[in-house]
C-alpha atoms as a PDB file:
ATOM      1  CA  MET A   1      31.817  -7.112 -10.976  1.00  0.00           C
ATOM      2  CA  LEU A   2      29.392  -8.138 -12.881  1.00  0.00           C
ATOM      3  CA  VAL A   3      26.188  -6.428 -11.883  1.00  0.00           C
ATOM      4  CA  MET A   4      22.587  -7.579 -12.734  1.00  0.00           C
ATOM      5  CA  GLU A   5      20.264  -6.417 -15.072  1.00  0.00           C
ATOM      6  CA  ASN A   6      18.896  -2.470 -13.676  1.00  0.00           C
ATOM      7  CA  GLU A   7      21.377  -3.084 -10.763  1.00  0.00           C
ATOM      8  CA  GLU A   8      22.936   0.279  -9.552  1.00  0.00           C
ATOM      9  CA  PHE A   9      25.712   0.341  -7.090  1.00  0.00           C
ATOM     10  CA  VAL A  10      26.525   3.693  -5.309  1.00  0.00           C
ATOM     11  CA  GLU A  11      30.042   4.921  -5.806  1.00  0.00           C
ATOM     12  CA  GLY A  12      32.559   4.504  -2.488  1.00  0.00           C
ATOM     13  CA  GLN A  13      29.481   1.546  -1.654  1.00  0.00           C
ATOM     14  CA  PRO A  14      31.249  -0.908   0.718  1.00  0.00           C
ATOM     15  CA  THR A  15      31.787  -4.238  -1.050  1.00  0.00           C
ATOM     16  CA  TRP A  16      29.570  -6.356   1.619  1.00  0.00           C
ATOM     17  CA  LYS A  17      26.855  -3.769   0.510  1.00  0.00           C
ATOM     18  CA  LYS A  18      27.098  -4.482  -3.244  1.00  0.00           C
ATOM     19  CA  CYS A  19      27.421  -7.958  -2.629  1.00  0.00           C
ATOM     20  CA  ILE A  20      24.038  -7.850  -0.704  1.00  0.00           C
ATOM     21  CA  ASP A  21      22.519  -6.176  -3.285  1.00  0.00           C
ATOM     22  CA  VAL A  22      23.502  -8.683  -5.944  1.00  0.00           C
ATOM     23  CA  VAL A  23      22.241 -11.550  -3.704  1.00  0.00           C
ATOM     24  CA  GLN A  24      18.719  -9.982  -3.220  1.00  0.00           C
ATOM     25  CA  GLY A  25      18.373  -9.036  -7.215  1.00  0.00           C
ATOM     26  CA  SER A  26      19.669 -12.447  -7.968  1.00  0.00           C
ATOM     27  CA  VAL A  27      17.977 -14.751  -5.479  1.00  0.00           C
ATOM     28  CA  GLY A  28      15.173 -12.368  -3.521  1.00  0.00           C
ATOM     29  CA  LEU A  29      12.073 -14.573  -3.327  1.00  0.00           C
ATOM     30  CA  PRO A  30      13.815 -17.670  -1.504  1.00  0.00           C
ATOM     31  CA  LEU A  31      15.506 -14.820   0.368  1.00  0.00           C
ATOM     32  CA  LEU A  32      12.286 -13.309   1.262  1.00  0.00           C
ATOM     33  CA  ALA A  33      10.658 -16.504   2.164  1.00  0.00           C
ATOM     34  CA  MET A  34      13.207 -17.485   4.734  1.00  0.00           C
ATOM     35  CA  HIS A  35      13.104 -14.199   6.328  1.00  0.00           C
ATOM     36  CA  GLU A  36       9.385 -14.421   6.547  1.00  0.00           C
ATOM     37  CA  GLY A  37       9.227 -17.974   7.432  1.00  0.00           C
ATOM     38  CA  LYS A  38      11.319 -16.980  10.920  1.00  0.00           C
ATOM     39  CA  TYR A  39       9.612 -13.727  11.322  1.00  0.00           C
ATOM     40  CA  PHE A  40       6.405 -13.296  10.010  1.00  0.00           C
ATOM     41  CA  LYS A  41       4.251 -15.802  12.072  1.00  0.00           C
ATOM     42  CA  ASN A  42       0.236 -16.705  10.863  1.00  0.00           C
ATOM     43  CA  GLN A  43      -1.298 -14.083  13.873  1.00  0.00           C
ATOM     44  CA  ASP A  44       0.612 -11.602  11.547  1.00  0.00           C
ATOM     45  CA  TYR A  45      -1.145 -13.041   8.468  1.00  0.00           C
ATOM     46  CA  GLU A  46      -4.372 -13.458   9.935  1.00  0.00           C
ATOM     47  CA  GLN A  47      -4.357 -10.036  11.204  1.00  0.00           C
ATOM     48  CA  VAL A  48      -3.600  -8.248   8.612  1.00  0.00           C
ATOM     49  CA  ARG A  49      -5.893 -10.060   6.230  1.00  0.00           C
ATOM     50  CA  GLU A  50      -8.359  -9.208   8.833  1.00  0.00           C
ATOM     51  CA  ILE A  51      -7.828  -5.320   8.230  1.00  0.00           C
ATOM     52  CA  ALA A  52      -7.175  -5.364   4.508  1.00  0.00           C
ATOM     53  CA  PHE A  53     -10.847  -7.370   4.316  1.00  0.00           C
ATOM     54  CA  ALA A  54     -12.702  -4.404   7.055  1.00  0.00           C
ATOM     55  CA  VAL A  55     -10.925  -1.461   5.036  1.00  0.00           C
ATOM     56  CA  GLN A  56     -12.209  -2.861   1.982  1.00  0.00           C
ATOM     57  CA  GLU A  57     -15.655  -3.219   3.109  1.00  0.00           C
ATOM     58  CA  GLU A  58     -15.373   0.125   4.028  1.00  0.00           C
ATOM     59  CA  PHE A  59     -14.795   1.392   0.708  1.00  0.00           C
ATOM     60  CA  ARG A  60     -17.888  -0.616  -0.574  1.00  0.00           C
ATOM     61  CA  ALA A  61     -19.933   1.063   2.203  1.00  0.00           C
ATOM     62  CA  MET A  62     -18.438   4.647   0.928  1.00  0.00           C
ATOM     63  CA  LEU A  63     -19.347   3.503  -2.453  1.00  0.00           C
ATOM     64  CA  ASN A  64     -23.064   2.459  -1.463  1.00  0.00           C
ATOM     65  CA  GLU A  65     -23.495   5.663   0.048  1.00  0.00           C
ATOM     66  CA  ASN A  66     -21.924   7.965  -2.441  1.00  0.00           C
ATOM     67  CA  GLU A  67     -24.204  10.927  -3.603  1.00  0.00           C
ATOM     68  CA  TRP A  68     -22.310  11.636  -7.086  1.00  0.00           C
ATOM     69  CA  LEU A  69     -22.088   8.186  -8.671  1.00  0.00           C
ATOM     70  CA  ASP A  70     -25.011   7.059 -10.960  1.00  0.00           C
ATOM     71  CA  GLU A  71     -26.173   3.624 -10.215  1.00  0.00           C
ATOM     72  CA  ILE A  72     -24.446   2.014 -13.289  1.00  0.00           C
ATOM     73  CA  THR A  73     -21.355   3.326 -12.653  1.00  0.00           C
ATOM     74  CA  ARG A  74     -21.614   2.682  -8.822  1.00  0.00           C
ATOM     75  CA  GLN A  75     -22.411  -1.019  -9.752  1.00  0.00           C
ATOM     76  CA  THR A  76     -19.432  -0.999 -11.906  1.00  0.00           C
ATOM     77  CA  ALA A  77     -17.540   0.270  -9.120  1.00  0.00           C
ATOM     78  CA  ILE A  78     -18.721  -2.602  -6.936  1.00  0.00           C
ATOM     79  CA  ASP A  79     -17.846  -5.526  -9.432  1.00  0.00           C
ATOM     80  CA  LYS A  80     -14.341  -4.393  -9.623  1.00  0.00           C
ATOM     81  CA  LEU A  81     -14.254  -4.076  -5.767  1.00  0.00           C
ATOM     82  CA  ASN A  82     -15.338  -7.646  -5.609  1.00  0.00           C
ATOM     83  CA  ALA A  83     -12.473  -8.838  -7.745  1.00  0.00           C
ATOM     84  CA  PHE A  84     -10.097  -6.916  -5.986  1.00  0.00           C
ATOM     85  CA  SER A  85      -7.620  -9.405  -3.959  1.00  0.00           C
ATOM     86  CA  PHE A  86      -4.806  -9.290  -1.675  1.00  0.00           C
ATOM     87  CA  HIS A  87      -1.516 -10.774  -1.551  1.00  0.00           C
ATOM     88  CA  ILE A  88      -0.264 -10.941   1.680  1.00  0.00           C
ATOM     89  CA  GLY A  89       3.589 -12.153   2.382  1.00  0.00           C
ATOM     90  CA  LEU A  90       4.663 -15.011   0.977  1.00  0.00           C
ATOM     91  CA  LEU A  91       2.937 -17.935   3.754  1.00  0.00           C
ATOM     92  CA  THR A  92       0.664 -18.915   1.183  1.00  0.00           C
ATOM     93  CA  LEU A  93       3.095 -19.502  -1.698  1.00  0.00           C
ATOM     94  CA  ASP A  94       4.362 -23.056  -1.901  1.00  0.00           C
ATOM     95  CA  ASP A  95       7.734 -23.776  -1.049  1.00  0.00           C
ATOM     96  CA  THR A  96       7.776 -26.184  -3.822  1.00  0.00           C
ATOM     97  CA  LEU A  97       6.929 -23.662  -6.736  1.00  0.00           C
ATOM     98  CA  ILE A  98       9.912 -21.786  -5.329  1.00  0.00           C
ATOM     99  CA  ALA A  99      12.390 -24.535  -5.913  1.00  0.00           C
ATOM    100  CA  ASN A 100      10.979 -25.860  -9.243  1.00  0.00           C
ATOM    101  CA  TYR A 101      11.259 -21.593 -10.748  1.00  0.00           C
ATOM    102  CA  TYR A 102      15.001 -22.576  -9.512  1.00  0.00           C
ATOM    103  CA  ASP A 103      15.395 -25.875 -10.338  1.00  0.00           C
ATOM    104  CA  LYS A 104      18.128 -25.133 -13.138  1.00  0.00           C
ATOM    105  CA  LEU A 105      20.043 -22.644 -11.021  1.00  0.00           C
ATOM    106  CA  GLU A 106      23.756 -23.312 -10.441  1.00  0.00           C
ATOM    107  CA  ILE A 107      25.902 -21.716  -8.097  1.00  0.00           C
ATOM    108  CA  SER A 108      29.620 -22.116  -7.555  1.00  0.00           C
ATOM    109  CA  SER A 109      31.455 -20.279  -5.123  1.00  0.00           C
ATOM    110  CA  GLU A 110      34.408 -20.838  -7.238  1.00  0.00           C
ATOM    111  CA  ASN A 111      33.021 -19.359 -10.704  1.00  0.00           C
ATOM    112  CA  TYR A 112      31.205 -15.964 -10.005  1.00  0.00           C
ATOM    113  CA  LEU A 113      30.729 -15.473 -13.881  1.00  0.00           C
ATOM    114  CA  LYS A 114      29.237 -18.606 -14.478  1.00  0.00           C
ATOM    115  CA  ALA A 115      27.051 -17.912 -11.391  1.00  0.00           C
ATOM    116  CA  MET A 116      25.627 -14.811 -12.505  1.00  0.00           C
ATOM    117  CA  MET A 117      25.073 -16.322 -16.023  1.00  0.00           C
ATOM    118  CA  SER A 118      22.859 -18.985 -14.609  1.00  0.00           C
ATOM    119  CA  VAL A 119      20.914 -16.471 -12.517  1.00  0.00           C
ATOM    120  CA  ASN A 120      20.138 -14.374 -15.994  1.00  0.00           C
ATOM    121  CA  SER A 121      19.409 -17.208 -17.528  1.00  0.00           C
ATOM    122  CA  VAL A 122      16.681 -18.290 -15.016  1.00  0.00           C
ATOM    123  CA  LEU A 123      15.311 -14.606 -14.968  1.00  0.00           C
ATOM    124  CA  GLN A 124      14.812 -14.412 -18.277  1.00  0.00           C
ATOM    125  CA  HIS A 125      13.628 -17.596 -18.808  1.00  0.00           C
ATOM    126  CA  MET A 126      10.624 -16.462 -15.943  1.00  0.00           C
ATOM    127  CA  HIS A 127      10.272 -13.238 -18.050  1.00  0.00           C
ATOM    128  CA  TYR A 128       9.900 -15.592 -21.260  1.00  0.00           C
ATOM    129  CA  SER A 129       7.235 -17.445 -19.704  1.00  0.00           C
ATOM    130  CA  CYS A 130       4.934 -15.169 -18.805  1.00  0.00           C
ATOM    131  CA  LEU A 131       4.362 -14.817 -22.430  1.00  0.00           C
ATOM    132  CA  ARG A 132       0.919 -15.703 -24.073  1.00  0.00           C
ATOM    133  CA  HIS A 133      -0.447 -16.143 -20.241  1.00  0.00           C
ATOM    134  CA  LEU A 134      -3.637 -14.303 -19.440  1.00  0.00           C
ATOM    135  CA  VAL A 135      -2.737 -11.774 -16.470  1.00  0.00           C
ATOM    136  CA  GLY A 136      -3.701 -13.935 -13.297  1.00  0.00           C
ATOM    137  CA  THR A 137      -2.669 -17.076 -14.481  1.00  0.00           C
ATOM    138  CA  VAL A 138       1.018 -16.349 -12.885  1.00  0.00           C
ATOM    139  CA  ASP A 139       0.183 -14.483 -10.081  1.00  0.00           C
ATOM    140  CA  TRP A 140       2.830 -16.248  -8.013  1.00  0.00           C
ATOM    141  CA  MET A 141       5.510 -14.637  -9.828  1.00  0.00           C
ATOM    142  CA  ASP A 142       4.414 -11.252  -8.900  1.00  0.00           C
ATOM    143  CA  HIS A 143       5.790 -12.012  -5.538  1.00  0.00           C
ATOM    144  CA  THR A 144       9.210 -11.426  -6.763  1.00  0.00           C
ATOM    145  CA  VAL A 145       8.508  -7.826  -6.766  1.00  0.00           C
ATOM    146  CA  LEU A 146       8.059  -7.478  -2.980  1.00  0.00           C
ATOM    147  CA  ASN A 147      11.578  -6.807  -2.163  1.00  0.00           C
ATOM    148  CA  LYS A 148      10.473  -3.692  -2.156  1.00  0.00           C
ATOM    149  CA  MET A 149       9.587  -1.385   1.255  1.00  0.00           C
ATOM    150  CA  ASP A 150       6.207  -0.770  -0.353  1.00  0.00           C
ATOM    151  CA  LEU A 151       2.819  -1.630  -0.658  1.00  0.00           C
ATOM    152  CA  ILE A 152       2.504  -2.649  -4.683  1.00  0.00           C
ATOM    153  CA  TYR A 153      -1.188  -2.414  -6.146  1.00  0.00           C
ATOM    154  CA  SER A 154      -1.515  -3.951  -9.654  1.00  0.00           C
ATOM    155  CA  GLN A 155      -3.665  -2.135 -11.887  1.00  0.00           C
ATOM    156  CA  THR A 156      -3.645  -5.010 -14.970  1.00  0.00           C
ATOM    157  CA  GLY A 157      -4.093  -7.604 -11.863  1.00  0.00           C
ATOM    158  CA  ASN A 158      -6.566  -5.749  -9.957  1.00  0.00           C
ATOM    159  CA  LYS A 159      -4.713  -6.821  -6.870  1.00  0.00           C
ATOM    160  CA  LEU A 160      -2.694  -5.319  -3.944  1.00  0.00           C
ATOM    161  CA  HIS A 161       0.701  -7.031  -2.716  1.00  0.00           C
ATOM    162  CA  ILE A 162       1.661  -6.473   0.734  1.00  0.00           C
ATOM    163  CA  PRO A 163       4.957  -7.435   1.726  1.00  0.00           C
ATOM    164  CA  GLY A 164       5.727  -9.679   4.976  1.00  0.00           C
ATOM    165  CA  HIS A 165       8.733  -8.183   5.572  1.00  0.00           C
ATOM    166  CA  ILE A 166       7.756  -4.896   5.772  1.00  0.00           C
ATOM    167  CA  LEU A 167       4.926  -6.126   8.577  1.00  0.00           C
ATOM    168  CA  GLN A 168       7.229  -5.003  11.266  1.00  0.00           C
ATOM    169  CA  GLY A 169       8.046  -1.747  13.966  1.00  0.00           C
ATOM    170  CA  ILE A 170       6.219   0.987  13.591  1.00  0.00           C
ATOM    171  CA  PHE A 171       4.237  -0.171  10.860  1.00  0.00           C
ATOM    172  CA  PHE A 172       2.585  -3.446  12.275  1.00  0.00           C
ATOM    173  CA  ASN A 173       2.554  -5.437  15.134  1.00  0.00           C
ATOM    174  CA  ALA A 174       0.082  -8.032  16.295  1.00  0.00           C
ATOM    175  CA  SER A 175       0.503  -7.666  20.137  1.00  0.00           C
ATOM    176  CA  ARG A 176      -0.190  -4.279  20.319  1.00  0.00           C
ATOM    177  CA  PRO A 177      -3.589  -2.451  19.996  1.00  0.00           C
ATOM    178  CA  ARG A 178      -5.525  -2.574  17.006  1.00  0.00           C
ATOM    179  CA  TYR A 179      -5.991   1.371  16.699  1.00  0.00           C
ATOM    180  CA  LEU A 180      -2.454   1.263  16.044  1.00  0.00           C
ATOM    181  CA  ASN A 181      -2.404  -1.225  13.143  1.00  0.00           C
ATOM    182  CA  TYR A 182      -5.550   0.266  11.662  1.00  0.00           C
ATOM    183  CA  ALA A 183      -3.990   3.606  11.992  1.00  0.00           C
ATOM    184  CA  THR A 184      -0.429   2.567  10.004  1.00  0.00           C
ATOM    185  CA  VAL A 185      -0.951  -0.719   7.715  1.00  0.00           C
ATOM    186  CA  GLY A 186      -5.212   0.464   7.416  1.00  0.00           C
ATOM    187  CA  SER A 187      -4.691   3.395   6.355  1.00  0.00           C
ATOM    188  CA  LEU A 188      -1.835   2.467   4.118  1.00  0.00           C
ATOM    189  CA  ILE A 189      -4.346  -0.338   2.341  1.00  0.00           C
ATOM    190  CA  GLY A 190      -6.917   2.118   2.078  1.00  0.00           C
ATOM    191  CA  SER A 191      -4.830   4.750  -0.087  1.00  0.00           C
ATOM    192  CA  GLU A 192      -3.820   1.874  -1.939  1.00  0.00           C
ATOM    193  CA  ILE A 193      -7.516   1.190  -3.094  1.00  0.00           C
ATOM    194  CA  THR A 194      -8.360   4.601  -3.349  1.00  0.00           C
ATOM    195  CA  THR A 195      -5.836   5.707  -5.773  1.00  0.00           C
ATOM    196  CA  GLY A 196      -5.577   2.470  -7.507  1.00  0.00           C
ATOM    197  CA  PHE A 197      -9.400   1.840  -7.955  1.00  0.00           C
ATOM    198  CA  GLY A 198      -9.484   4.301 -11.261  1.00  0.00           C
ATOM    199  CA  ARG A 199     -11.351   4.816 -14.035  1.00  0.00           C
ATOM    200  CA  GLN A 200      -8.856   3.714 -16.828  1.00  0.00           C
ATOM    201  CA  TYR A 201      -8.847  -0.201 -15.847  1.00  0.00           C
ATOM    202  CA  ASP A 202     -12.006  -2.309 -15.501  1.00  0.00           C
ATOM    203  CA  LYS A 203     -12.415  -5.537 -12.924  1.00  0.00           C
ATOM    204  CA  HIS A 204     -10.489  -7.586 -15.180  1.00  0.00           C
ATOM    205  CA  GLY A 205      -7.466  -5.517 -15.475  1.00  0.00           C
ATOM    206  CA  ASN A 206      -8.024  -4.331 -19.045  1.00  0.00           C
ATOM    207  CA  VAL A 207      -7.517  -0.977 -20.385  1.00  0.00           C
ATOM    208  CA  ASN A 208     -11.259   0.714 -20.363  1.00  0.00           C
ATOM    209  CA  ASN A 209     -12.729   3.909 -19.349  1.00  0.00           C
ATOM    210  CA  TRP A 210     -15.533   2.481 -17.325  1.00  0.00           C
ATOM    211  CA  TRP A 211     -16.908   6.096 -16.282  1.00  0.00           C
ATOM    212  CA  GLY A 212     -19.589   8.215 -17.933  1.00  0.00           C
ATOM    213  CA  THR A 213     -18.209  12.038 -19.107  1.00  0.00           C
ATOM    214  CA  LYS A 214     -21.067  13.432 -16.532  1.00  0.00           C
ATOM    215  CA  ILE A 215     -19.588  11.365 -13.737  1.00  0.00           C
ATOM    216  CA  GLU A 216     -15.703  11.497 -14.646  1.00  0.00           C
ATOM    217  CA  ALA A 217     -16.632  15.301 -14.962  1.00  0.00           C
ATOM    218  CA  VAL A 218     -17.599  15.629 -11.446  1.00  0.00           C
ATOM    219  CA  PHE A 219     -14.977  13.630  -9.865  1.00  0.00           C
ATOM    220  CA  LEU A 220     -12.514  16.098 -11.749  1.00  0.00           C
ATOM    221  CA  GLU A 221     -14.139  19.140 -10.219  1.00  0.00           C
ATOM    222  CA  LYS A 222     -13.372  17.096  -6.416  1.00  0.00           C
ATOM    223  CA  GLU A 223     -10.240  16.499  -7.552  1.00  0.00           C
ATOM    224  CA  GLU A 224      -9.553  20.149  -8.068  1.00  0.00           C
ATOM    225  CA  CYS A 225     -10.772  20.658  -4.715  1.00  0.00           C
ATOM    226  CA  VAL A 226      -8.399  18.732  -3.567  1.00  0.00           C
ATOM    227  CA  ALA A 227      -5.485  19.676  -5.795  1.00  0.00           C
ATOM    228  CA  SER A 228      -6.034  23.239  -4.638  1.00  0.00           C
ATOM    229  CA  MET A 229      -4.763  23.071  -1.391  1.00  0.00           C
ATOM    230  CA  LEU A 230      -1.437  21.800  -2.660  1.00  0.00           C
ATOM    231  CA  PHE A 231       1.263  24.194  -3.508  1.00  0.00           C
ATOM    232  CA  ASN A 232       1.892  24.815  -7.327  1.00  0.00           C
ATOM    233  CA  SER A 233       4.947  23.236  -7.348  1.00  0.00           C
ATOM    234  CA  ILE A 234       4.023  20.197  -5.981  1.00  0.00           C
ATOM    235  CA  GLU A 235       3.799  17.458  -8.682  1.00  0.00           C
ATOM    236  CA  LEU A 236       0.690  15.562  -9.851  1.00  0.00           C
ATOM    237  CA  ARG A 237       1.587  12.504  -8.320  1.00  0.00           C
ATOM    238  CA  SER A 238       1.724  14.237  -4.788  1.00  0.00           C
ATOM    239  CA  GLN A 239      -1.764  15.224  -5.727  1.00  0.00           C
ATOM    240  CA  VAL A 240      -3.014  11.353  -6.212  1.00  0.00           C
ATOM    241  CA  GLU A 241      -1.275  10.523  -2.805  1.00  0.00           C
ATOM    242  CA  MET A 242      -3.259  13.235  -1.262  1.00  0.00           C
ATOM    243  CA  LEU A 243      -6.390  11.804  -2.524  1.00  0.00           C
ATOM    244  CA  GLY A 244      -5.152   8.134  -1.386  1.00  0.00           C
ATOM    245  CA  LEU A 245      -4.196   9.434   2.082  1.00  0.00           C
ATOM    246  CA  THR A 246      -7.676  11.184   2.676  1.00  0.00           C
ATOM    247  CA  GLY A 247      -9.745   8.328   1.520  1.00  0.00           C
ATOM    248  CA  GLY A 248      -7.285   5.968   3.639  1.00  0.00           C
ATOM    249  CA  LEU A 249      -7.422   7.595   6.536  1.00  0.00           C
ATOM    250  CA  LYS A 250     -11.166   7.696   6.336  1.00  0.00           C
ATOM    251  CA  GLN A 251     -11.643   3.741   5.307  1.00  0.00           C
ATOM    252  CA  SER A 252      -9.240   2.891   8.149  1.00  0.00           C
ATOM    253  CA  TYR A 253     -10.703   5.053  10.892  1.00  0.00           C
ATOM    254  CA  LEU A 254     -14.037   3.967  10.328  1.00  0.00           C
ATOM    255  CA  ALA A 255     -12.958   0.417   9.783  1.00  0.00           C
ATOM    256  CA  TYR A 256     -11.407   0.649  12.998  1.00  0.00           C
ATOM    257  CA  MET A 257     -14.403   2.061  15.154  1.00  0.00           C
ATOM    258  CA  LYS A 258     -16.651  -1.075  13.623  1.00  0.00           C
ATOM    259  CA  TRP A 259     -14.055  -3.255  15.049  1.00  0.00           C
ATOM    260  CA  THR A 260     -14.679  -1.644  18.396  1.00  0.00           C
ATOM    261  CA  LYS A 261     -18.303  -2.182  18.133  1.00  0.00           C
ATOM    262  CA  ARG A 262     -17.654  -6.109  18.112  1.00  0.00           C
ATOM    263  CA  ASN A 263     -14.546  -6.563  20.605  1.00  0.00           C
ATOM    264  CA  ALA A 264     -13.839  -5.246  23.962  1.00  0.00           C
ATOM    265  CA  THR A 265     -12.800  -1.579  24.209  1.00  0.00           C
ATOM    266  CA  GLU A 266      -8.989  -1.485  24.189  1.00  0.00           C
ATOM    267  CA  ALA A 267      -6.819   0.025  26.937  1.00  0.00           C
ATOM    268  CA  PRO A 268      -4.978   3.514  25.475  1.00  0.00           C
ATOM    269  CA  LEU A 269      -1.206   3.522  25.861  1.00  0.00           C
ATOM    270  CA  ALA A 270       0.458   3.671  29.735  1.00  0.00           C
ATOM    271  CA  GLY A 271       1.788   6.907  30.591  1.00  0.00           C
ATOM    272  CA  LEU A 272      -0.285   8.727  28.043  1.00  0.00           C
ATOM    273  CA  THR A 273      -3.219  11.295  28.216  1.00  0.00           C
ATOM    274  CA  TYR A 274      -4.515  10.639  24.749  1.00  0.00           C
ATOM    275  CA  ASN A 275      -7.528   8.460  24.197  1.00  0.00           C
ATOM    276  CA  GLN A 276      -7.867   5.422  21.429  1.00  0.00           C
ATOM    277  CA  GLU A 277      -9.066   7.695  18.541  1.00  0.00           C
ATOM    278  CA  GLN A 278      -6.294  10.122  19.313  1.00  0.00           C
ATOM    279  CA  LEU A 279      -3.669   7.515  19.486  1.00  0.00           C
ATOM    280  CA  PHE A 280      -5.401   6.498  16.097  1.00  0.00           C
ATOM    281  CA  TRP A 281      -4.396   9.652  14.555  1.00  0.00           C
ATOM    282  CA  ILE A 282      -1.112  10.202  16.170  1.00  0.00           C
ATOM    283  CA  SER A 283       0.108   6.826  14.926  1.00  0.00           C
ATOM    284  CA  ALA A 284      -1.097   7.216  11.277  1.00  0.00           C
ATOM    285  CA  ALA A 285       0.792  10.868  11.277  1.00  0.00           C
ATOM    286  CA  GLN A 286       3.907   8.829  12.967  1.00  0.00           C
ATOM    287  CA  LEU A 287       4.427   6.607   9.758  1.00  0.00           C
ATOM    288  CA  TRP A 288       5.255   9.457   7.949  1.00  0.00           C
ATOM    289  CA  CYS A 289       7.956  11.206  10.064  1.00  0.00           C
ATOM    290  CA  GLN A 290      11.241  11.628   8.192  1.00  0.00           C
ATOM    291  CA  LYS A 291      14.331  13.980   7.667  1.00  0.00           C
ATOM    292  CA  CYS A 292      14.301  16.367   4.396  1.00  0.00           C
ATOM    293  CA  GLY A 293      15.492  19.616   4.223  1.00  0.00           C
ATOM    294  CA  ASP A 294      13.308  22.706   4.645  1.00  0.00           C
ATOM    295  CA  ASN A 295      13.140  23.115   0.891  1.00  0.00           C
ATOM    296  CA  ASN A 296      12.686  19.816  -0.319  1.00  0.00           C
ATOM    297  CA  LEU A 297       9.043  20.304  -1.819  1.00  0.00           C
ATOM    298  CA  GLN A 298       9.318  16.305  -2.824  1.00  0.00           C
ATOM    299  CA  ASN A 299       9.279  15.188   0.611  1.00  0.00           C
ATOM    300  CA  PHE A 300       6.197  17.125   1.627  1.00  0.00           C
ATOM    301  CA  ALA A 301       5.036  14.945   4.351  1.00  0.00           C
ATOM    302  CA  GLU A 302       4.395  17.095   7.134  1.00  0.00           C
ATOM    303  CA  TYR A 303       2.191  19.124   4.597  1.00  0.00           C
ATOM    304  CA  LYS A 304       0.406  15.975   3.025  1.00  0.00           C
ATOM    305  CA  VAL A 305      -0.858  14.771   6.650  1.00  0.00           C
ATOM    306  CA  ASN A 306      -2.176  18.440   7.710  1.00  0.00           C
ATOM    307  CA  GLU A 307      -3.919  18.640   4.970  1.00  0.00           C
ATOM    308  CA  ALA A 308      -5.580  14.866   5.149  1.00  0.00           C
ATOM    309  CA  PHE A 309      -6.218  15.941   8.712  1.00  0.00           C
ATOM    310  CA  ARG A 310      -7.843  18.947   8.051  1.00  0.00           C
ATOM    311  CA  ASN A 311     -10.230  17.603   5.998  1.00  0.00           C
ATOM    312  CA  SER A 312     -11.480  14.767   8.428  1.00  0.00           C
ATOM    313  CA  ILE A 313     -14.380  15.524  10.456  1.00  0.00           C
ATOM    314  CA  ASN A 314     -13.348  12.450  12.504  1.00  0.00           C
ATOM    315  CA  PHE A 315      -9.975  14.224  13.156  1.00  0.00           C
ATOM    316  CA  SER A 316     -11.533  17.355  14.016  1.00  0.00           C
ATOM    317  CA  ARG A 317     -14.381  15.862  16.243  1.00  0.00           C
ATOM    318  CA  ASP A 318     -11.932  13.549  18.310  1.00  0.00           C
ATOM    319  CA  PHE A 319      -9.297  16.299  18.753  1.00  0.00           C
ATOM    320  CA  LYS A 320     -11.858  18.906  19.494  1.00  0.00           C
ATOM    321  CA  CYS A 321     -10.926  21.435  17.044  1.00  0.00           C
ATOM    322  CA  SER A 322     -12.871  24.542  16.723  1.00  0.00           C
ATOM    323  CA  LEU A 323     -14.938  24.984  13.375  1.00  0.00           C
ATOM    324  CA  GLY A 324     -12.710  27.446  11.377  1.00  0.00           C
ATOM    325  CA  SER A 325      -9.290  27.000  12.737  1.00  0.00           C
ATOM    326  CA  PRO A 326      -6.577  26.007  10.898  1.00  0.00           C
ATOM    327  CA  MET A 327      -7.022  22.077  11.547  1.00  0.00           C
ATOM    328  CA  ASN A 328     -10.507  22.080  11.051  1.00  0.00           C
ATOM    329  CA  PRO A 329     -11.551  24.792   8.266  1.00  0.00           C
ATOM    330  CA  THR A 330     -15.441  25.216   7.356  1.00  0.00           C
ATOM    331  CA  LYS A 331     -14.646  23.528   3.823  1.00  0.00           C
ATOM    332  CA  LYS A 332     -13.367  20.265   3.422  1.00  0.00           C
ATOM    333  CA  CYS A 333     -12.392  18.723   0.221  1.00  0.00           C
ATOM    334  CA  ASN A 334     -13.330  15.054  -0.246  1.00  0.00           C
ATOM    335  CA  VAL A 335     -13.894  12.353  -3.128  1.00  0.00           C
ATOM    336  CA  TRP A 336     -14.894   9.350  -1.706  1.00  0.00           C
END
């Protein structure tokens, strides 16, 4: 079977699964557009957009209230945040644009080889057409990576892609209480803003360290506080994830609390004794549930969630954890 570039097949994989993988790798964009057109509605888009901007505004407030940033760095950070953008699903993408993109695609059920050669030609043309274009002038093509089950932050574009097809199930539902959605999609958006908002790229997406030496030293000291909580065998990537989760939870929680001041009080979940704030934390933790081996340090979701919660004064207050208890230590590590 002819395989797309970078396509990986698992040995023993059933033929139907291989075929689906080929189709997704070949014409994933129109497939996503069709899927979202059926399952991802305008009300979903509007609520995710509301949550995204609320979390972004909370990060802005955190920058303004930050005590270790100097004024020049603070303003540069705010300028970068002002240039930050969200791409939510494909509802705002013009169908004509997608149709024109695949205009020269020729698929025949009688000739698989010719069909795959045509697909490769179209995809290669897309890659080469991006040459000599400034970052941002072909933004719509970035949607071709949205077949992944994750949020994607582009440092060079200073934008966050939120795939519409993941906004379902435990992750998001426009009909359920806001405290559940802020806890899940909101905390992940906040995590991406926190981890993606680094010092190596400026607001235009160019490589440019915009932090001064003193500010960078303070940041690294605070980062080391967070890293010291982790096992020595945990990789650096996990330390970054830890920073992101801690910051994302703080942003999404405070954003939800501001939402409650502008809207009617939501009812707690029937049959449970937890209040709305406690359900926020439970929902945020449930998002990371997974099955893994006892010795699998790469999948340390339980440990990561516990450490993020331990460093939150909001969590300890909502669950009335005694100061000095395991989930409310006297020393807490926070960067933002």
